[in-house]
Amino acid sequence: MPTGVIINAASVLFGGLLGGFLGDKFSEQFKKDITLIFGVCSMGMGIYSIAPMKYMPAVIFALVIGTGIGLWMHLGKWIDKGAMEMQKPISKFFPNNNSDMSQEEFINTLVTVIVLFCASGTGIYGSLDNGMTGDTTILISKSVLDFFTAAIFACNLGYVVSIIAIPQFILFYILFLLARFIFPLTTPNMILDFKACGGFLMLATGFRMVKLKMFPIADMIPAMVIIMPLSWIWANWFLPLL
């Protein structure tokens, strides 16, 4: 039973609904300032995930090569298009009435939220762990932050944030099912490097949330796919030569 996956998706769903309902109850200054706090939380979670990193060269290689692949594939633009398609049906029922936010800013923020909820190292690893061991601790901890983050973002973006729960659930449920095949192929060091790579994405997400630097987070996602193979290659092929 994918209990952790269900709880995490539900936290985004209900957080988005709550934020969409209360959006006009908070001042713009309140929403702006509280978003900065969530940006700091994302940075803190990223740093916490990076700290236990085992093989730094492998993680750096994964980030550089993975981001290069993402940029070559124009992954960010495809996610932009996907975000626009997600917005179209929901806007028929819950239109975006935030006149203070430009369309470009709306899309940039929405992409940030999609990556934050669907592509964090904590969520992906938590789904794998839930599938293999039945332990829901990681995903439940993530759900607490996701609920309030979804609510705050929904104050600006509207009810569209709650819809992100659908692709998030699909992605995490697939990982939950694949866990029995993936997890036995990993080592503890590969998992640490995997979480560290996800930590870098969360750190970059934090910078994006506070609008300090708009890192190409969507284009960095392929790094999460190649980090574990690169970690294994580094440990077994290169490290013995040093």
C-alpha atoms as a PDB file:
ATOM      1  CA  MET A   1       0.000   0.000   0.000  1.00  0.00           C
ATOM      2  CA  PRO A   2       1.639   3.285  -1.113  1.00  0.00           C
ATOM      3  CA  THR A   3       0.575   5.087   2.057  1.00  0.00           C
ATOM      4  CA  GLY A   4       3.359   7.666   1.967  1.00  0.00           C
ATOM      5  CA  VAL A   5       2.745   8.447  -1.715  1.00  0.00           C
ATOM      6  CA  ILE A   6      -0.972   8.957  -1.086  1.00  0.00           C
ATOM      7  CA  ILE A   7      -0.364  11.194   1.934  1.00  0.00           C
ATOM      8  CA  ASN A   8       2.151  13.316   0.026  1.00  0.00           C
ATOM      9  CA  ALA A   9      -0.184  13.807  -2.945  1.00  0.00           C
ATOM     10  CA  ALA A  10      -3.082  14.585  -0.584  1.00  0.00           C
ATOM     11  CA  SER A  11      -1.004  17.240   1.185  1.00  0.00           C
ATOM     12  CA  VAL A  12      -0.447  19.052  -2.120  1.00  0.00           C
ATOM     13  CA  LEU A  13      -4.085  18.646  -3.127  1.00  0.00           C
ATOM     14  CA  PHE A  14      -5.584  19.990   0.090  1.00  0.00           C
ATOM     15  CA  GLY A  15      -2.862  22.586   0.589  1.00  0.00           C
ATOM     16  CA  GLY A  16      -3.560  23.935  -2.898  1.00  0.00           C
ATOM     17  CA  LEU A  17      -7.303  24.023  -2.251  1.00  0.00           C
ATOM     18  CA  LEU A  18      -6.819  25.791   1.080  1.00  0.00           C
ATOM     19  CA  GLY A  19      -4.460  28.364  -0.395  1.00  0.00           C
ATOM     20  CA  GLY A  20      -6.743  28.979  -3.364  1.00  0.00           C
ATOM     21  CA  PHE A  21      -9.663  29.587  -0.998  1.00  0.00           C
ATOM     22  CA  LEU A  22      -7.706  31.869   1.347  1.00  0.00           C
ATOM     23  CA  GLY A  23      -5.695  33.632  -1.355  1.00  0.00           C
ATOM     24  CA  ASP A  24      -7.492  36.957  -1.056  1.00  0.00           C
ATOM     25  CA  LYS A  25      -7.488  36.820   2.740  1.00  0.00           C
ATOM     26  CA  PHE A  26      -3.756  37.567   3.015  1.00  0.00           C
ATOM     27  CA  SER A  27      -1.952  40.753   2.059  1.00  0.00           C
ATOM     28  CA  GLU A  28       0.574  40.721  -0.759  1.00  0.00           C
ATOM     29  CA  GLN A  29       3.317  41.586   1.729  1.00  0.00           C
ATOM     30  CA  PHE A  30       2.410  38.581   3.890  1.00  0.00           C
ATOM     31  CA  LYS A  31       2.501  36.193   0.911  1.00  0.00           C
ATOM     32  CA  LYS A  32       5.770  37.686  -0.330  1.00  0.00           C
ATOM     33  CA  ASP A  33       7.475  37.452   3.060  1.00  0.00           C
ATOM     34  CA  ILE A  34       6.229  33.921   3.847  1.00  0.00           C
ATOM     35  CA  THR A  35       7.441  32.731   0.426  1.00  0.00           C
ATOM     36  CA  LEU A  36      10.924  33.880   1.400  1.00  0.00           C
ATOM     37  CA  ILE A  37      10.699  31.650   4.472  1.00  0.00           C
ATOM     38  CA  PHE A  38       9.777  28.642   2.348  1.00  0.00           C
ATOM     39  CA  GLY A  39      12.706  29.475   0.081  1.00  0.00           C
ATOM     40  CA  VAL A  40      15.005  29.357   3.093  1.00  0.00           C
ATOM     41  CA  CYS A  41      13.403  26.043   4.159  1.00  0.00           C
ATOM     42  CA  SER A  42      14.082  24.604   0.708  1.00  0.00           C
ATOM     43  CA  MET A  43      17.697  25.759   0.911  1.00  0.00           C
ATOM     44  CA  GLY A  44      18.045  24.265   4.389  1.00  0.00           C
ATOM     45  CA  MET A  45      16.609  20.923   3.277  1.00  0.00           C
ATOM     46  CA  GLY A  46      18.960  20.988   0.299  1.00  0.00           C
ATOM     47  CA  ILE A  47      22.024  21.652   2.447  1.00  0.00           C
ATOM     48  CA  TYR A  48      20.932  18.913   4.865  1.00  0.00           C
ATOM     49  CA  SER A  49      20.672  16.442   1.957  1.00  0.00           C
ATOM     50  CA  ILE A  50      24.008  17.486   0.460  1.00  0.00           C
ATOM     51  CA  ALA A  51      25.990  17.133   3.697  1.00  0.00           C
ATOM     52  CA  PRO A  52      26.250  13.277   3.782  1.00  0.00           C
ATOM     53  CA  MET A  53      27.438  13.179   0.126  1.00  0.00           C
ATOM     54  CA  LYS A  54      29.935  10.357  -0.411  1.00  0.00           C
ATOM     55  CA  TYR A  55      31.527  10.973  -3.820  1.00  0.00           C
ATOM     56  CA  MET A  56      31.538  14.675  -4.670  1.00  0.00           C
ATOM     57  CA  PRO A  57      33.121  14.279  -8.157  1.00  0.00           C
ATOM     58  CA  ALA A  58      30.313  11.905  -9.188  1.00  0.00           C
ATOM     59  CA  VAL A  59      27.645  14.326  -7.977  1.00  0.00           C
ATOM     60  CA  ILE A  60      29.296  17.268  -9.751  1.00  0.00           C
ATOM     61  CA  PHE A  61      29.619  15.239 -12.955  1.00  0.00           C
ATOM     62  CA  ALA A  62      25.937  14.287 -12.731  1.00  0.00           C
ATOM     63  CA  LEU A  63      24.833  17.889 -12.216  1.00  0.00           C
ATOM     64  CA  VAL A  64      26.915  19.263 -15.074  1.00  0.00           C
ATOM     65  CA  ILE A  65      26.234  16.456 -17.555  1.00  0.00           C
ATOM     66  CA  GLY A  66      22.582  16.098 -16.530  1.00  0.00           C
ATOM     67  CA  THR A  67      21.922  19.821 -16.851  1.00  0.00           C
ATOM     68  CA  GLY A  68      23.690  19.823 -20.208  1.00  0.00           C
ATOM     69  CA  ILE A  69      21.366  17.034 -21.372  1.00  0.00           C
ATOM     70  CA  GLY A  70      18.352  18.951 -20.098  1.00  0.00           C
ATOM     71  CA  LEU A  71      19.405  22.126 -21.877  1.00  0.00           C
ATOM     72  CA  TRP A  72      20.099  20.177 -25.082  1.00  0.00           C
ATOM     73  CA  MET A  73      16.649  18.582 -24.906  1.00  0.00           C
ATOM     74  CA  HIS A  74      15.048  21.941 -24.026  1.00  0.00           C
ATOM     75  CA  LEU A  75      13.429  20.125 -21.106  1.00  0.00           C
ATOM     76  CA  GLY A  76      12.565  23.387 -19.404  1.00  0.00           C
ATOM     77  CA  LYS A  77      10.582  24.557 -22.427  1.00  0.00           C
ATOM     78  CA  TRP A  78       8.700  21.255 -22.564  1.00  0.00           C
ATOM     79  CA  ILE A  79       7.784  21.620 -18.904  1.00  0.00           C
ATOM     80  CA  ASP A  80       6.707  25.202 -19.614  1.00  0.00           C
ATOM     81  CA  LYS A  81       4.375  23.852 -22.289  1.00  0.00           C
ATOM     82  CA  GLY A  82       3.125  21.189 -19.920  1.00  0.00           C
ATOM     83  CA  ALA A  83       2.472  23.818 -17.263  1.00  0.00           C
ATOM     84  CA  MET A  84       0.493  25.856 -19.773  1.00  0.00           C
ATOM     85  CA  GLU A  85      -1.575  22.789 -20.714  1.00  0.00           C
ATOM     86  CA  MET A  86      -2.204  22.071 -17.043  1.00  0.00           C
ATOM     87  CA  GLN A  87      -3.429  25.620 -16.544  1.00  0.00           C
ATOM     88  CA  LYS A  88      -5.898  25.618 -19.461  1.00  0.00           C
ATOM     89  CA  PRO A  89      -8.528  23.159 -18.161  1.00  0.00           C
ATOM     90  CA  ILE A  90      -8.357  24.308 -14.547  1.00  0.00           C
ATOM     91  CA  SER A  91      -8.614  27.985 -15.532  1.00  0.00           C
ATOM     92  CA  LYS A  92     -12.032  27.277 -17.031  1.00  0.00           C
ATOM     93  CA  PHE A  93     -13.304  26.531 -13.538  1.00  0.00           C
ATOM     94  CA  PHE A  94     -10.869  28.524 -11.369  1.00  0.00           C
ATOM     95  CA  PRO A  95      -9.395  31.383 -13.420  1.00  0.00           C
ATOM     96  CA  ASN A  96      -6.229  33.121 -12.262  1.00  0.00           C
ATOM     97  CA  ASN A  97      -7.415  36.468 -10.940  1.00  0.00           C
ATOM     98  CA  ASN A  98      -4.093  37.739  -9.662  1.00  0.00           C
ATOM     99  CA  SER A  99      -3.711  40.926 -11.664  1.00  0.00           C
ATOM    100  CA  ASP A 100      -0.408  41.709  -9.931  1.00  0.00           C
ATOM    101  CA  MET A 101       1.321  38.707 -11.529  1.00  0.00           C
ATOM    102  CA  SER A 102       2.376  38.738 -15.185  1.00  0.00           C
ATOM    103  CA  GLN A 103       1.864  35.647 -17.327  1.00  0.00           C
ATOM    104  CA  GLU A 104       5.629  35.080 -17.519  1.00  0.00           C
ATOM    105  CA  GLU A 105       5.969  35.323 -13.748  1.00  0.00           C
ATOM    106  CA  PHE A 106       3.005  32.975 -13.356  1.00  0.00           C
ATOM    107  CA  ILE A 107       4.611  30.316 -15.566  1.00  0.00           C
ATOM    108  CA  ASN A 108       8.022  30.679 -13.903  1.00  0.00           C
ATOM    109  CA  THR A 109       6.467  30.252 -10.467  1.00  0.00           C
ATOM    110  CA  LEU A 110       4.355  27.300 -11.590  1.00  0.00           C
ATOM    111  CA  VAL A 111       7.383  25.510 -13.039  1.00  0.00           C
ATOM    112  CA  THR A 112       9.218  26.070  -9.755  1.00  0.00           C
ATOM    113  CA  VAL A 113       6.324  24.506  -7.835  1.00  0.00           C
ATOM    114  CA  ILE A 114       6.069  21.519 -10.214  1.00  0.00           C
ATOM    115  CA  VAL A 115       9.769  20.754  -9.825  1.00  0.00           C
ATOM    116  CA  LEU A 116       9.629  21.323  -6.066  1.00  0.00           C
ATOM    117  CA  PHE A 117       6.798  18.828  -5.594  1.00  0.00           C
ATOM    118  CA  CYS A 118       7.560  16.277  -8.328  1.00  0.00           C
ATOM    119  CA  ALA A 119      11.347  16.203  -8.703  1.00  0.00           C
ATOM    120  CA  SER A 120      12.851  16.604  -5.236  1.00  0.00           C
ATOM    121  CA  GLY A 121      15.436  14.046  -4.199  1.00  0.00           C
ATOM    122  CA  THR A 122      13.611  13.584  -0.898  1.00  0.00           C
ATOM    123  CA  GLY A 123      10.333  12.698  -2.622  1.00  0.00           C
ATOM    124  CA  ILE A 124      11.892  10.331  -5.128  1.00  0.00           C
ATOM    125  CA  TYR A 125      14.013   8.568  -2.525  1.00  0.00           C
ATOM    126  CA  GLY A 126      11.054   8.487  -0.133  1.00  0.00           C
ATOM    127  CA  SER A 127       8.928   6.769  -2.774  1.00  0.00           C
ATOM    128  CA  LEU A 128      11.628   4.159  -3.358  1.00  0.00           C
ATOM    129  CA  ASP A 129      12.045   3.613   0.372  1.00  0.00           C
ATOM    130  CA  ASN A 130       8.279   3.310   0.853  1.00  0.00           C
ATOM    131  CA  GLY A 131       8.112   0.727  -1.925  1.00  0.00           C
ATOM    132  CA  MET A 132      10.946  -1.414  -0.593  1.00  0.00           C
ATOM    133  CA  THR A 133      10.558  -1.259   3.172  1.00  0.00           C
ATOM    134  CA  GLY A 134       7.086   0.180   3.748  1.00  0.00           C
ATOM    135  CA  ASP A 135       8.641   3.045   5.755  1.00  0.00           C
ATOM    136  CA  THR A 136       6.622   6.242   5.198  1.00  0.00           C
ATOM    137  CA  THR A 137       8.675   8.520   7.492  1.00  0.00           C
ATOM    138  CA  ILE A 138      10.448  10.396   4.703  1.00  0.00           C
ATOM    139  CA  LEU A 139       7.334  11.088   2.641  1.00  0.00           C
ATOM    140  CA  ILE A 140       5.237  12.071   5.648  1.00  0.00           C
ATOM    141  CA  SER A 141       7.911  14.540   6.749  1.00  0.00           C
ATOM    142  CA  LYS A 142       7.968  15.963   3.229  1.00  0.00           C
ATOM    143  CA  SER A 143       4.157  16.149   3.250  1.00  0.00           C
ATOM    144  CA  VAL A 144       4.155  18.568   6.187  1.00  0.00           C
ATOM    145  CA  LEU A 145       6.261  21.067   4.248  1.00  0.00           C
ATOM    146  CA  ASP A 146       4.426  20.394   0.979  1.00  0.00           C
ATOM    147  CA  PHE A 147       1.014  21.157   2.536  1.00  0.00           C
ATOM    148  CA  PHE A 148       2.002  24.621   3.698  1.00  0.00           C
ATOM    149  CA  THR A 149       4.137  25.298   0.610  1.00  0.00           C
ATOM    150  CA  ALA A 150       1.207  24.400  -1.667  1.00  0.00           C
ATOM    151  CA  ALA A 151      -1.103  26.637   0.369  1.00  0.00           C
ATOM    152  CA  ILE A 152       1.228  29.619   0.131  1.00  0.00           C
ATOM    153  CA  PHE A 153       1.879  29.208  -3.585  1.00  0.00           C
ATOM    154  CA  ALA A 154      -1.849  28.729  -4.207  1.00  0.00           C
ATOM    155  CA  CYS A 155      -2.459  32.128  -2.612  1.00  0.00           C
ATOM    156  CA  ASN A 156      -0.789  33.602  -5.695  1.00  0.00           C
ATOM    157  CA  LEU A 157      -1.316  30.967  -8.380  1.00  0.00           C
ATOM    158  CA  GLY A 158      -4.811  29.798  -7.461  1.00  0.00           C
ATOM    159  CA  TYR A 159      -6.328  26.320  -7.463  1.00  0.00           C
ATOM    160  CA  VAL A 160      -4.023  25.120 -10.255  1.00  0.00           C
ATOM    161  CA  VAL A 161      -1.483  24.206  -7.539  1.00  0.00           C
ATOM    162  CA  SER A 162      -3.777  21.432  -6.283  1.00  0.00           C
ATOM    163  CA  ILE A 163      -3.711  19.799  -9.742  1.00  0.00           C
ATOM    164  CA  ILE A 164       0.050  19.225  -9.379  1.00  0.00           C
ATOM    165  CA  ALA A 165      -0.909  16.427  -6.971  1.00  0.00           C
ATOM    166  CA  ILE A 166      -1.936  14.333 -10.003  1.00  0.00           C
ATOM    167  CA  PRO A 167       1.443  14.170 -11.842  1.00  0.00           C
ATOM    168  CA  GLN A 168       3.182  13.956  -8.473  1.00  0.00           C
ATOM    169  CA  PHE A 169       1.150  10.911  -7.462  1.00  0.00           C
ATOM    170  CA  ILE A 170       1.670   9.243 -10.859  1.00  0.00           C
ATOM    171  CA  LEU A 171       5.449   9.779 -10.747  1.00  0.00           C
ATOM    172  CA  PHE A 172       5.883   8.682  -7.150  1.00  0.00           C
ATOM    173  CA  TYR A 173       3.559   5.692  -7.561  1.00  0.00           C
ATOM    174  CA  ILE A 174       5.571   4.488 -10.577  1.00  0.00           C
ATOM    175  CA  LEU A 175       8.746   4.780  -8.494  1.00  0.00           C
ATOM    176  CA  PHE A 176       6.978   2.930  -5.677  1.00  0.00           C
ATOM    177  CA  LEU A 177       6.233   0.059  -8.051  1.00  0.00           C
ATOM    178  CA  LEU A 178       9.731   0.069  -9.550  1.00  0.00           C
ATOM    179  CA  ALA A 179      11.393   0.118  -6.129  1.00  0.00           C
ATOM    180  CA  ARG A 180      11.670  -3.680  -5.937  1.00  0.00           C
ATOM    181  CA  PHE A 181      13.799  -3.597  -9.100  1.00  0.00           C
ATOM    182  CA  ILE A 182      15.822  -0.415  -8.448  1.00  0.00           C
ATOM    183  CA  PHE A 183      16.594  -0.560  -4.744  1.00  0.00           C
ATOM    184  CA  PRO A 184      18.424  -3.940  -4.746  1.00  0.00           C
ATOM    185  CA  LEU A 185      20.793  -2.543  -7.391  1.00  0.00           C
ATOM    186  CA  THR A 186      21.848   0.372  -5.218  1.00  0.00           C
ATOM    187  CA  THR A 187      24.391   0.727  -2.444  1.00  0.00           C
ATOM    188  CA  PRO A 188      24.225   2.987   0.631  1.00  0.00           C
ATOM    189  CA  ASN A 189      26.816   5.300  -0.965  1.00  0.00           C
ATOM    190  CA  MET A 190      24.780   5.543  -4.170  1.00  0.00           C
ATOM    191  CA  ILE A 191      21.730   6.534  -2.118  1.00  0.00           C
ATOM    192  CA  LEU A 192      23.729   9.240  -0.318  1.00  0.00           C
ATOM    193  CA  ASP A 193      24.941  10.686  -3.614  1.00  0.00           C
ATOM    194  CA  PHE A 194      21.414  10.463  -5.009  1.00  0.00           C
ATOM    195  CA  LYS A 195      20.039  12.466  -2.087  1.00  0.00           C
ATOM    196  CA  ALA A 196      22.913  14.956  -2.393  1.00  0.00           C
ATOM    197  CA  CYS A 197      22.106  15.509  -6.062  1.00  0.00           C
ATOM    198  CA  GLY A 198      18.487  16.120  -5.115  1.00  0.00           C
ATOM    199  CA  GLY A 199      19.750  18.477  -2.412  1.00  0.00           C
ATOM    200  CA  PHE A 200      21.478  20.622  -5.036  1.00  0.00           C
ATOM    201  CA  LEU A 201      18.189  20.856  -6.924  1.00  0.00           C
ATOM    202  CA  MET A 202      16.382  21.859  -3.733  1.00  0.00           C
ATOM    203  CA  LEU A 203      19.061  24.457  -3.002  1.00  0.00           C
ATOM    204  CA  ALA A 204      18.670  25.885  -6.507  1.00  0.00           C
ATOM    205  CA  THR A 205      14.893  25.798  -6.021  1.00  0.00           C
ATOM    206  CA  GLY A 206      15.289  27.886  -2.878  1.00  0.00           C
ATOM    207  CA  PHE A 207      17.231  30.524  -4.796  1.00  0.00           C
ATOM    208  CA  ARG A 208      14.484  30.523  -7.398  1.00  0.00           C
ATOM    209  CA  MET A 209      11.724  30.813  -4.801  1.00  0.00           C
ATOM    210  CA  VAL A 210      13.277  33.934  -3.287  1.00  0.00           C
ATOM    211  CA  LYS A 211      13.904  35.241  -6.822  1.00  0.00           C
ATOM    212  CA  LEU A 212      17.607  35.678  -6.168  1.00  0.00           C
ATOM    213  CA  LYS A 213      18.668  33.618  -9.186  1.00  0.00           C
ATOM    214  CA  MET A 214      16.442  31.771 -11.675  1.00  0.00           C
ATOM    215  CA  PHE A 215      18.364  28.521 -11.970  1.00  0.00           C
ATOM    216  CA  PRO A 216      17.224  26.208 -14.812  1.00  0.00           C
ATOM    217  CA  ILE A 217      15.805  23.687 -12.346  1.00  0.00           C
ATOM    218  CA  ALA A 218      13.729  21.828 -14.916  1.00  0.00           C
ATOM    219  CA  ASP A 219      16.819  21.289 -17.071  1.00  0.00           C
ATOM    220  CA  MET A 220      18.678  19.923 -14.038  1.00  0.00           C
ATOM    221  CA  ILE A 221      16.263  17.002 -13.575  1.00  0.00           C
ATOM    222  CA  PRO A 222      18.231  14.529 -15.794  1.00  0.00           C
ATOM    223  CA  ALA A 223      20.997  14.707 -13.189  1.00  0.00           C
ATOM    224  CA  MET A 224      18.717  12.711 -10.894  1.00  0.00           C
ATOM    225  CA  VAL A 225      18.563   9.941 -13.499  1.00  0.00           C
ATOM    226  CA  ILE A 226      22.311   9.551 -14.036  1.00  0.00           C
ATOM    227  CA  ILE A 227      23.679  10.196 -10.544  1.00  0.00           C
ATOM    228  CA  MET A 228      23.442   6.615  -9.242  1.00  0.00           C
ATOM    229  CA  PRO A 229      25.171   5.020 -12.258  1.00  0.00           C
ATOM    230  CA  LEU A 230      27.883   7.699 -12.122  1.00  0.00           C
ATOM    231  CA  SER A 231      28.322   7.160  -8.385  1.00  0.00           C
ATOM    232  CA  TRP A 232      28.802   3.421  -8.976  1.00  0.00           C
ATOM    233  CA  ILE A 233      31.215   4.020 -11.871  1.00  0.00           C
ATOM    234  CA  TRP A 234      33.261   6.451  -9.797  1.00  0.00           C
ATOM    235  CA  ALA A 235      33.495   4.065  -6.832  1.00  0.00           C
ATOM    236  CA  ASN A 236      34.348   0.969  -8.872  1.00  0.00           C
ATOM    237  CA  TRP A 237      36.281   2.256 -11.887  1.00  0.00           C
ATOM    238  CA  PHE A 238      37.982   5.540 -11.036  1.00  0.00           C
ATOM    239  CA  LEU A 239      38.489   5.493  -7.278  1.00  0.00           C
ATOM    240  CA  PRO A 240      40.707   2.342  -7.344  1.00  0.00           C
ATOM    241  CA  LEU A 241      43.035   4.164  -9.769  1.00  0.00           C
ATOM    242  CA  LEU A 242      43.585   7.104  -7.426  1.00  0.00           C
END
